[in-house]
Amino acid sequence: MNDIRPARWTRRHLGLLTGSAATTVPAVTDWPAPRVLPHDDVWDLWPVQEEDGSPSTVLGQELWMTLSAPAAGHPEERHGHARLHLLGRDADGWTDLGHVFADGASLGSREWSGSAVRRPDGTVSVFYTAAGRRGEPWQTFSQRVVEARPRLLTADGRVSLDRDVAHQEILRSNGGTYLPADEVEGAPGRIRAFRDPGWFRDPADGREHLLIAASVPWDGGFMGAIALAGARPGGWSLGPPLLVAEGINHEIERPHIVVQDSTYYLFFVTHRHNFHPRDAAPTGLYGFAAPALTGPYEPLNGSGLVLGNPPEHPDLAYAWLVLSDLRVVSFLNYRFSGAVDPREAATPEARAAFGGTVAPVLKLALDGLSTSVV
């Protein structure tokens, strides 16, 4: 992996950005939207994958994971209470299968986003971000990549994961290429990153990789980047970045790859307020494409924009994830109803504007370096 030349996402690319129906998330008129969990907010969902990247189906249900927190207080506070939740999905909707891990079992004080893959031996590799440290007296913002590998259980016709499982830190930022994600104080959007491990098996050689949202040094501060780690005997090896936001964005999240027609599509998401300058581009799903995992990558649609929120609701949805069949899942974030930004509004107004549930599923069409929402 050391021969990677990182793709550069630059201001020139953003200058090519034009809004169109093909790259705009459709408006949501059903509000408040139906909730997946009646008493909890959910966000950042992902499927338990088979090793070919397709969603795993057990006892007639697709298995999914999501972040969850009690639907109380200001929505922006949910990140301080985040837990991994297991869900089932079939034609009748969603089934609550409980928290993925037992209380206090994970290595962080919170559990942030990751990915999961079902193994041939009956276990599930759950890769997640340990935010803070278990038992810390106050919440910090250190981030490490952790793997737990519970057995998949189907007793009494119900799917669950074995709670008696070890958790092992497998990667952390190296302090060189990638800045350490170790702040004591901060908030989402204002901290360095080393999180959101996205599992990927390269069909070209069968090797396993993790894509990680990271931070690299930039002009006395930091910029968003996508780190690539490769599996090796006994662990993981952290390599050079696949992509760097060259002076334009300090936080890109949830990197993942889908292979279509021998082309590697590298997707990631970011908020409008993370651009430099702020609102230089919309909150959305962005992407690049290459003939191989290590590149060379070119931006999709010229600018990198694949899906952006509609201007009238600039924070409508977030955390888009493109599945192997090109379905696109996300969650409903904020629906604007006035002049005040809901993220900065008082709790009652923010809570009324917050979705906290799964957004309508979209479908993406890919044609080389061009994309459109179907």
Protein backbone atom coordinates (compact mmCIF):
# COMPACT_ATOMS: atom_id res chain seq x y z
CA MET A 1 0.00 0.00 0.00
CA ASN A 2 2.97 2.33 0.30
CA ASP A 3 2.82 3.22 -3.40
CA ILE A 4 -0.51 5.04 -2.98
CA ARG A 5 -0.63 8.60 -4.27
CA PRO A 6 -3.55 10.22 -2.43
CA ALA A 7 -6.30 11.79 -4.47
CA ARG A 8 -6.65 15.52 -3.81
CA TRP A 9 -10.12 16.99 -3.40
CA THR A 10 -9.55 20.65 -4.19
CA ARG A 11 -11.21 24.02 -4.54
CA ARG A 12 -11.02 23.59 -8.31
CA HIS A 13 -13.35 20.61 -8.02
CA LEU A 14 -15.82 22.54 -5.87
CA GLY A 15 -15.82 25.25 -8.51
CA LEU A 16 -17.39 22.73 -10.90
CA LEU A 17 -20.29 22.00 -8.56
CA THR A 18 -23.75 22.72 -9.93
CA GLY A 19 -27.01 21.69 -8.36
CA SER A 20 -29.37 19.49 -10.38
CA ALA A 21 -32.19 17.03 -9.83
CA ALA A 22 -29.74 14.19 -10.56
CA THR A 23 -27.65 15.10 -7.50
CA THR A 24 -30.31 16.44 -5.10
CA VAL A 25 -31.98 14.48 -2.30
CA PRO A 26 -35.77 14.49 -2.83
CA ALA A 27 -37.75 16.52 -0.31
CA VAL A 28 -39.48 14.64 2.52
CA THR A 29 -43.09 15.70 3.07
CA ASP A 30 -44.09 13.13 5.71
CA TRP A 31 -43.03 14.83 8.95
CA PRO A 32 -42.59 13.75 11.63
CA ALA A 33 -41.43 10.64 9.82
CA PRO A 34 -42.23 7.13 11.11
CA ARG A 35 -39.72 6.12 13.78
CA VAL A 36 -37.74 2.89 13.73
CA LEU A 37 -37.49 2.83 17.54
CA PRO A 38 -40.34 4.61 19.35
CA HIS A 39 -38.26 5.91 22.26
CA ASP A 40 -34.81 6.23 20.69
CA ASP A 41 -33.16 8.30 17.99
CA VAL A 42 -31.28 6.30 15.37
CA TRP A 43 -28.65 7.49 12.90
CA ASP A 44 -25.65 6.27 10.90
CA LEU A 45 -27.04 2.85 9.97
CA TRP A 46 -25.15 0.09 8.12
CA PRO A 47 -25.90 -3.54 7.18
CA VAL A 48 -24.20 -6.61 8.52
CA GLN A 49 -22.44 -7.58 5.28
CA GLU A 50 -21.67 -10.90 3.74
CA GLU A 51 -18.06 -11.13 2.61
CA ASP A 52 -19.12 -10.19 -0.94
CA GLY A 53 -20.47 -6.89 0.40
CA SER A 54 -24.18 -7.73 0.18
CA PRO A 55 -26.46 -7.34 3.22
CA SER A 56 -26.73 -10.47 5.33
CA THR A 57 -30.13 -12.14 5.72
CA VAL A 58 -30.89 -14.39 8.71
CA LEU A 59 -34.28 -15.96 9.49
CA GLY A 60 -35.81 -13.93 6.66
CA GLN A 61 -34.53 -10.56 7.91
CA GLU A 62 -31.73 -8.32 6.69
CA LEU A 63 -29.48 -7.56 9.66
CA TRP A 64 -28.56 -3.93 10.31
CA MET A 65 -26.71 -1.90 12.89
CA THR A 66 -27.26 1.72 13.80
CA LEU A 67 -26.26 4.26 16.40
CA SER A 68 -28.99 4.93 18.94
CA ALA A 69 -29.65 7.10 21.98
CA PRO A 70 -32.75 7.94 24.03
CA ALA A 71 -34.93 10.50 22.24
CA ALA A 72 -34.64 13.10 24.99
CA GLY A 73 -32.92 16.45 25.32
CA HIS A 74 -31.31 18.38 22.50
CA PRO A 75 -30.60 16.16 19.46
CA GLU A 76 -27.00 17.41 19.30
CA GLU A 77 -26.38 15.76 22.69
CA ARG A 78 -27.11 12.27 21.32
CA HIS A 79 -23.45 11.67 20.39
CA GLY A 80 -22.60 11.60 24.10
CA HIS A 81 -24.97 8.66 24.65
CA ALA A 82 -24.43 6.69 21.43
CA ARG A 83 -24.73 2.89 21.49
CA LEU A 84 -24.64 0.31 18.70
CA HIS A 85 -28.09 -1.18 18.10
CA LEU A 86 -29.02 -4.33 16.16
CA LEU A 87 -32.06 -4.24 13.87
CA GLY A 88 -33.84 -6.68 11.61
CA ARG A 89 -35.56 -5.58 8.41
CA ASP A 90 -38.10 -7.41 6.25
CA ALA A 91 -41.18 -6.59 4.17
CA ASP A 92 -43.09 -5.66 7.34
CA GLY A 93 -40.50 -3.09 8.46
CA TRP A 94 -37.96 -2.93 11.27
CA THR A 95 -37.53 -5.19 14.32
CA ASP A 96 -35.69 -4.06 17.44
CA LEU A 97 -33.03 -6.68 18.31
CA GLY A 98 -31.46 -4.73 21.18
CA HIS A 99 -28.05 -3.24 21.85
CA VAL A 100 -25.16 -4.96 20.12
CA PHE A 101 -23.01 -5.07 23.28
CA ALA A 102 -23.74 -5.46 26.96
CA ASP A 103 -23.73 -2.33 29.13
CA GLY A 104 -20.16 -1.22 29.84
CA ALA A 105 -18.59 -3.86 27.60
CA SER A 106 -17.14 -1.67 24.85
CA LEU A 107 -13.77 0.06 25.20
CA GLY A 108 -15.15 3.60 24.97
CA SER A 109 -17.54 5.68 27.00
CA ARG A 110 -19.59 5.86 23.78
CA GLU A 111 -19.80 3.72 20.65
CA TRP A 112 -19.54 5.55 17.33
CA SER A 113 -19.96 4.36 13.76
CA GLY A 114 -18.35 1.39 12.08
CA SER A 115 -19.20 -1.65 9.98
CA ALA A 116 -19.86 -5.37 10.36
CA VAL A 117 -19.22 -8.52 8.33
CA ARG A 118 -20.58 -12.03 8.83
CA ARG A 119 -17.86 -14.67 8.87
CA PRO A 120 -18.04 -18.28 7.60
CA ASP A 121 -17.41 -19.61 11.15
CA GLY A 122 -20.68 -18.17 12.44
CA THR A 123 -19.25 -15.02 14.02
CA VAL A 124 -19.72 -11.37 13.07
CA SER A 125 -16.74 -9.00 12.97
CA VAL A 126 -18.06 -5.77 14.45
CA PHE A 127 -15.70 -2.87 13.76
CA TYR A 128 -16.58 0.29 15.66
CA THR A 129 -15.17 3.54 17.01
CA ALA A 130 -14.45 3.62 20.73
CA ALA A 131 -15.06 7.26 21.66
CA GLY A 132 -13.48 8.22 24.97
CA ARG A 133 -12.52 5.46 27.38
CA ARG A 134 -14.56 3.06 29.42
CA GLY A 135 -15.08 4.36 32.96
CA GLU A 136 -13.64 7.84 32.34
CA PRO A 137 -14.92 10.42 34.88
CA TRP A 138 -15.91 12.84 32.10
CA GLN A 139 -16.30 12.27 28.40
CA THR A 140 -13.24 12.86 26.24
CA PHE A 141 -12.95 12.70 22.45
CA SER A 142 -10.19 10.17 21.92
CA GLN A 143 -11.02 7.74 19.11
CA ARG A 144 -9.73 4.24 18.43
CA VAL A 145 -10.83 1.49 16.05
CA VAL A 146 -11.97 -1.64 17.88
CA GLU A 147 -13.09 -5.10 16.76
CA ALA A 148 -15.38 -7.48 18.62
CA ARG A 149 -16.31 -10.83 17.08
CA PRO A 150 -19.45 -12.24 18.73
CA ARG A 151 -21.19 -15.40 17.61
CA LEU A 152 -24.44 -14.96 15.69
CA LEU A 153 -27.23 -16.73 17.62
CA THR A 154 -30.67 -17.77 16.37
CA ALA A 155 -32.21 -19.43 19.43
CA ASP A 156 -36.02 -19.47 19.71
CA GLY A 157 -36.40 -17.95 16.27
CA ARG A 158 -34.81 -14.63 17.26
CA VAL A 159 -31.50 -13.25 16.04
CA SER A 160 -29.00 -11.99 18.59
CA LEU A 161 -25.26 -11.62 19.14
CA ASP A 162 -23.39 -13.32 21.96
CA ARG A 163 -22.67 -10.75 24.67
CA ASP A 164 -19.72 -12.72 26.09
CA VAL A 165 -17.08 -11.46 23.67
CA ALA A 166 -13.68 -9.75 23.86
CA HIS A 167 -13.10 -6.24 22.48
CA GLN A 168 -9.70 -5.51 20.95
CA GLU A 169 -8.23 -2.20 19.86
CA ILE A 170 -6.85 -2.77 16.36
CA LEU A 171 -5.92 0.70 15.08
CA ARG A 172 -5.29 4.22 16.31
CA SER A 173 -3.89 7.30 14.56
CA ASN A 174 -0.11 7.13 14.35
CA GLY A 175 0.64 10.78 15.14
CA GLY A 176 2.62 11.14 11.90
CA THR A 177 0.71 10.93 8.65
CA TYR A 178 -2.50 11.08 10.65
CA LEU A 179 -2.94 13.46 13.55
CA PRO A 180 -3.83 11.86 16.89
CA ALA A 181 -7.55 11.94 17.66
CA ASP A 182 -7.09 12.47 21.38
CA GLU A 183 -8.75 15.75 22.37
CA VAL A 184 -9.99 15.97 25.93
CA GLU A 185 -12.59 18.61 25.06
CA GLY A 186 -14.55 19.26 21.89
CA ALA A 187 -17.69 18.38 19.98
CA PRO A 188 -18.55 16.60 16.72
CA GLY A 189 -17.45 18.76 13.82
CA ARG A 190 -14.70 20.46 15.83
CA ILE A 191 -12.38 17.54 16.64
CA ARG A 192 -9.76 15.55 14.81
CA ALA A 193 -10.95 12.21 13.47
CA PHE A 194 -9.90 8.60 13.54
CA ARG A 195 -13.20 6.77 13.27
CA ASP A 196 -15.92 5.14 11.15
CA PRO A 197 -14.05 1.99 10.08
CA GLY A 198 -15.58 0.71 6.85
CA TRP A 199 -14.77 -2.93 5.99
CA PHE A 200 -13.98 -3.83 2.38
CA ARG A 201 -12.67 -6.95 0.64
CA ASP A 202 -10.88 -6.16 -2.62
CA PRO A 203 -12.26 -8.50 -5.32
CA ALA A 204 -8.99 -8.15 -7.23
CA ASP A 205 -6.95 -10.10 -4.66
CA GLY A 206 -9.32 -11.06 -1.83
CA ARG A 207 -7.50 -8.96 0.77
CA GLU A 208 -9.39 -7.25 3.58
CA HIS A 209 -9.16 -3.54 4.24
CA LEU A 210 -10.60 -0.89 6.53
CA LEU A 211 -11.29 2.65 5.35
CA ILE A 212 -11.09 5.16 8.18
CA ALA A 213 -12.10 8.81 8.47
CA ALA A 214 -8.90 10.55 9.59
CA SER A 215 -7.26 13.96 9.96
CA VAL A 216 -4.01 15.13 8.39
CA PRO A 217 -1.93 18.24 9.19
CA TRP A 218 -2.79 21.36 7.24
CA ASP A 219 -1.53 24.94 7.69
CA GLY A 220 -1.39 24.78 11.47
CA GLY A 221 -4.71 22.93 11.70
CA PHE A 222 -6.11 19.79 10.15
CA MET A 223 -7.98 18.58 7.09
CA GLY A 224 -10.18 15.55 6.47
CA ALA A 225 -8.69 12.44 4.90
CA ILE A 226 -9.49 8.79 4.22
CA ALA A 227 -6.96 6.36 5.66
CA LEU A 228 -6.53 2.85 4.31
CA ALA A 229 -5.52 -0.07 6.52
CA GLY A 230 -4.80 -3.59 5.31
CA ALA A 231 -5.20 -6.88 7.16
CA ARG A 232 -1.99 -8.79 7.90
CA PRO A 233 -1.28 -11.86 10.02
CA GLY A 234 -2.06 -10.92 13.61
CA GLY A 235 -3.37 -7.43 12.97
CA TRP A 236 -3.77 -4.47 10.68
CA SER A 237 -1.29 -2.22 8.91
CA LEU A 238 -2.04 1.49 8.45
CA GLY A 239 -1.01 2.88 5.08
CA PRO A 240 -1.04 6.26 3.29
CA PRO A 241 -4.35 8.06 2.73
CA LEU A 242 -6.52 7.33 -0.27
CA LEU A 243 -7.85 10.88 -0.34
CA VAL A 244 -7.13 14.26 1.26
CA ALA A 245 -9.46 17.27 1.31
CA GLU A 246 -6.82 19.77 0.23
CA GLY A 247 -7.64 22.87 2.27
CA ILE A 248 -11.40 22.68 1.64
CA ASN A 249 -12.94 20.49 4.35
CA HIS A 250 -11.82 19.51 7.85
CA GLU A 251 -14.11 16.54 8.46
CA ILE A 252 -15.14 13.82 6.02
CA GLU A 253 -16.91 10.78 7.42
CA ARG A 254 -18.11 7.22 6.77
CA PRO A 255 -15.80 6.27 3.86
CA HIS A 256 -16.80 3.15 1.95
CA ILE A 257 -16.21 1.51 -1.44
CA VAL A 258 -18.57 -0.15 -3.91
CA VAL A 259 -17.20 -1.95 -6.98
CA GLN A 260 -19.30 -1.77 -10.16
CA ASP A 261 -18.17 -2.82 -13.65
CA SER A 262 -14.56 -3.13 -12.43
CA THR A 263 -14.60 0.47 -11.18
CA TYR A 264 -13.93 1.29 -7.53
CA TYR A 265 -16.35 3.94 -6.26
CA LEU A 266 -15.07 5.63 -3.10
CA PHE A 267 -17.88 7.39 -1.23
CA PHE A 268 -17.87 9.60 1.88
CA VAL A 269 -20.10 12.20 3.54
CA THR A 270 -19.61 15.63 5.03
CA HIS A 271 -21.56 18.54 6.48
CA ARG A 272 -21.83 21.96 4.84
CA HIS A 273 -20.40 23.65 7.93
CA ASN A 274 -17.16 21.64 7.62
CA PHE A 275 -16.17 23.26 4.32
CA HIS A 276 -13.72 26.16 4.08
CA PRO A 277 -15.32 28.57 3.70
CA ARG A 278 -18.44 27.36 5.49
CA ASP A 279 -21.30 26.43 3.12
CA ALA A 280 -18.98 26.33 0.11
CA ALA A 281 -20.79 23.10 -0.82
CA PRO A 282 -23.87 21.28 0.46
CA THR A 283 -24.14 18.64 3.14
CA GLY A 284 -24.06 15.50 1.07
CA LEU A 285 -22.65 12.26 -0.25
CA TYR A 286 -19.46 12.74 -2.26
CA GLY A 287 -17.37 10.33 -4.27
CA PHE A 288 -14.41 9.51 -6.46
CA ALA A 289 -13.76 6.59 -8.82
CA ALA A 290 -10.69 4.60 -9.85
CA PRO A 291 -9.73 1.48 -11.81
CA ALA A 292 -8.16 -0.07 -8.67
CA LEU A 293 -8.37 0.25 -4.90
CA THR A 294 -5.24 2.36 -4.70
CA GLY A 295 -6.23 4.69 -7.56
CA PRO A 296 -5.77 6.90 -9.40
CA TYR A 297 -9.06 8.46 -8.28
CA GLU A 298 -11.08 11.09 -10.13
CA PRO A 299 -14.06 13.02 -8.72
CA LEU A 300 -17.56 11.95 -9.68
CA ASN A 301 -19.60 14.49 -11.61
CA GLY A 302 -16.54 16.73 -11.85
CA SER A 303 -16.95 18.16 -8.34
CA GLY A 304 -17.30 14.97 -6.29
CA LEU A 305 -20.93 15.70 -5.37
CA VAL A 306 -23.18 12.64 -5.66
CA LEU A 307 -26.15 13.64 -3.48
CA GLY A 308 -26.77 16.96 -1.77
CA ASN A 309 -29.61 18.10 0.46
CA PRO A 310 -32.18 20.44 -1.10
CA PRO A 311 -31.42 24.14 -0.49
CA GLU A 312 -34.67 24.67 1.42
CA HIS A 313 -33.70 21.93 3.89
CA PRO A 314 -29.87 21.96 3.91
CA ASP A 315 -29.56 19.48 6.80
CA LEU A 316 -32.45 17.19 5.82
CA ALA A 317 -30.52 13.90 5.71
CA TYR A 318 -27.04 12.65 6.49
CA ALA A 319 -24.73 9.62 6.76
CA TRP A 320 -25.55 8.23 3.32
CA LEU A 321 -24.25 4.73 2.67
CA VAL A 322 -24.23 3.14 -0.80
CA LEU A 323 -24.94 -0.59 -0.74
CA SER A 324 -23.64 -3.17 -3.19
CA ASP A 325 -26.94 -3.08 -5.12
CA LEU A 326 -26.72 0.76 -5.26
CA ARG A 327 -29.50 1.36 -2.75
CA VAL A 328 -28.61 4.41 -0.67
CA VAL A 329 -29.58 4.56 3.02
CA SER A 330 -29.34 7.53 5.37
CA PHE A 331 -31.14 9.06 8.35
CA LEU A 332 -33.39 12.09 8.68
CA ASN A 333 -31.55 14.89 10.43
CA TYR A 334 -33.16 18.37 10.54
CA ARG A 335 -36.08 19.78 8.58
CA PHE A 336 -36.01 23.59 8.55
CA SER A 337 -39.23 25.30 9.59
CA GLY A 338 -37.98 28.84 10.20
CA ALA A 339 -34.98 31.12 10.10
CA VAL A 340 -33.17 29.61 13.10
CA ASP A 341 -30.69 26.80 12.49
CA PRO A 342 -32.26 23.85 14.38
CA ARG A 343 -28.84 22.71 15.63
CA GLU A 344 -28.56 25.99 17.51
CA ALA A 345 -32.20 26.31 18.54
CA ALA A 346 -33.61 25.70 22.01
CA THR A 347 -34.32 22.08 22.83
CA PRO A 348 -38.10 22.06 22.09
CA GLU A 349 -37.62 23.64 18.65
CA ALA A 350 -34.62 21.45 17.81
CA ARG A 351 -36.43 18.31 18.91
CA ALA A 352 -39.48 19.19 16.75
CA ALA A 353 -37.24 19.70 13.71
CA PHE A 354 -35.15 16.54 14.22
CA GLY A 355 -35.95 13.31 12.40
CA GLY A 356 -33.92 10.73 14.33
CA THR A 357 -35.09 7.91 12.09
CA VAL A 358 -34.28 6.18 8.80
CA ALA A 359 -34.75 8.28 5.66
CA PRO A 360 -36.50 7.00 2.54
CA VAL A 361 -34.20 4.65 0.66
CA LEU A 362 -32.85 6.02 -2.62
CA LYS A 363 -31.34 4.29 -5.66
CA LEU A 364 -28.18 5.44 -7.41
CA ALA A 365 -27.30 5.04 -11.07
CA LEU A 366 -23.61 4.94 -12.03
CA ASP A 367 -22.19 5.58 -15.48
CA GLY A 368 -18.42 5.90 -15.35
CA LEU A 369 -17.73 9.18 -13.60
CA SER A 370 -21.38 10.30 -13.78
CA THR A 371 -24.06 9.52 -11.20
CA SER A 372 -27.75 10.26 -10.75
CA VAL A 373 -30.43 9.50 -8.18
CA VAL A 374 -33.17 7.29 -9.60
